[in-house]
Amino acid sequence: MPQTETPGIEADRRNRLRWWTELPLILMVYASYSAGRLLARGDTASAVDHGLAILRVEKFLHINAEHPLNRLFTREAWLGIPADFWYASLHYLVTPAILIWLFRSRAQVYRAARTWLMTSTFIGLIGFTLVPTCPPRLLSPDYGFVDTMAKYSSYGWWGGDASAPRGLGGMTNQYAAMPSLHCGWALWCGVMLWRYGGTRLTKAVGVAYPLLTAIVVMGTANHYLLDAVAGVVVMGLGFLLTPQVLKGADRIGARFEGRGSLVAARSRDAARGASLGTETSIVSGGCQTSPGERIPRQRESQLGTGAEPGASPTDAGEGAPAPAR
């Protein structure tokens, strides 16, 4: 995790983090991500070409692990059905749960962790836009893949056309396979559990969760192996960019805070001047304005008009010589 904050700043951030500001921010990012997926729909022909290109590369390298996994999940329903539940639900549950846990129990690292997750998500959205990719399950049956989400849809809430709830498949982009943010988010969750869980069990879960997620996304024919690899790369880029994003956010925040402080200071000075104007005088350039006077009067250092010969220095002016005794 990038550590870009001093302990004093971390404590200050902890005091300033509030759930009613964090929740709208996270919801806004997720809404932008979902809307971006819809807007980034490429044409079907390009998406299929990209999917077949990935499959050819994997076969050339002999790393097309999705074929045997998909056959296993199709043949063994006791594996396929839980895998479909895993794919359709856990990223909606585990990722927010770990965010909440960090916010409540690890506030000193929450801001950097949240920024890492959001930065990586936006990088993934760029990938969806530039490289729309058909997942294995939507390829022609001639390529040997079975859509387990459709095969076992009667067991869950998802429809046969997507992992979205039944009837809402048209509201998702089914050609957003590259990179796999299922794997990317699972990796983020695993790192958080490994680093901050504190027990052997949480460390074990931190290792198992991303690995099992990678197996699930391939076994259900939702992603290629290289999609999962791309998800890891996206998280790595997000990790490297997080310190810069945090610094930029701090600069913007300091600028707005500085402007607000300046306005508040000027308001306080104006109020203080108004209150002091009824109690003290203002002296400037030899002119003294007493309380209640609108125009400063010049006080001569010598006996002026109206000063009598026997007047004291106070009467004649502060600069008059003392009378001879």
Foldseek 3Di string as FASTA:
>chain_A
DDDQDDPVVLVVQLVVDDPVVVVVVVVVLVVVLLVLQVVLADDPVQQAVLQVVVVVVCVVVVNFVLQVLQVVLVVDVVNVVVLLVCVLPDLVPLLVVLLVVCSVPVSSCSVLLVQLLSQLSVVLSVVCNVRQHAFQCPDPCVVPGHQSCDVCVVVDQPHNQDSDGPPCNVSGRLRSPAADLLLLSLLSSLVSQLPPVPDPVSNVCSVPRSVVSLSSCSNNRSYTNVNNVRSNVSSVVSNVCSSVVVVVVVVVVVVVVVVVVVVVVVVVVVVVVVVCLQPAWDDDDQWIDGRPDPDTDHQDLEQDPPRDPPDACVRNDVNYDGDDD
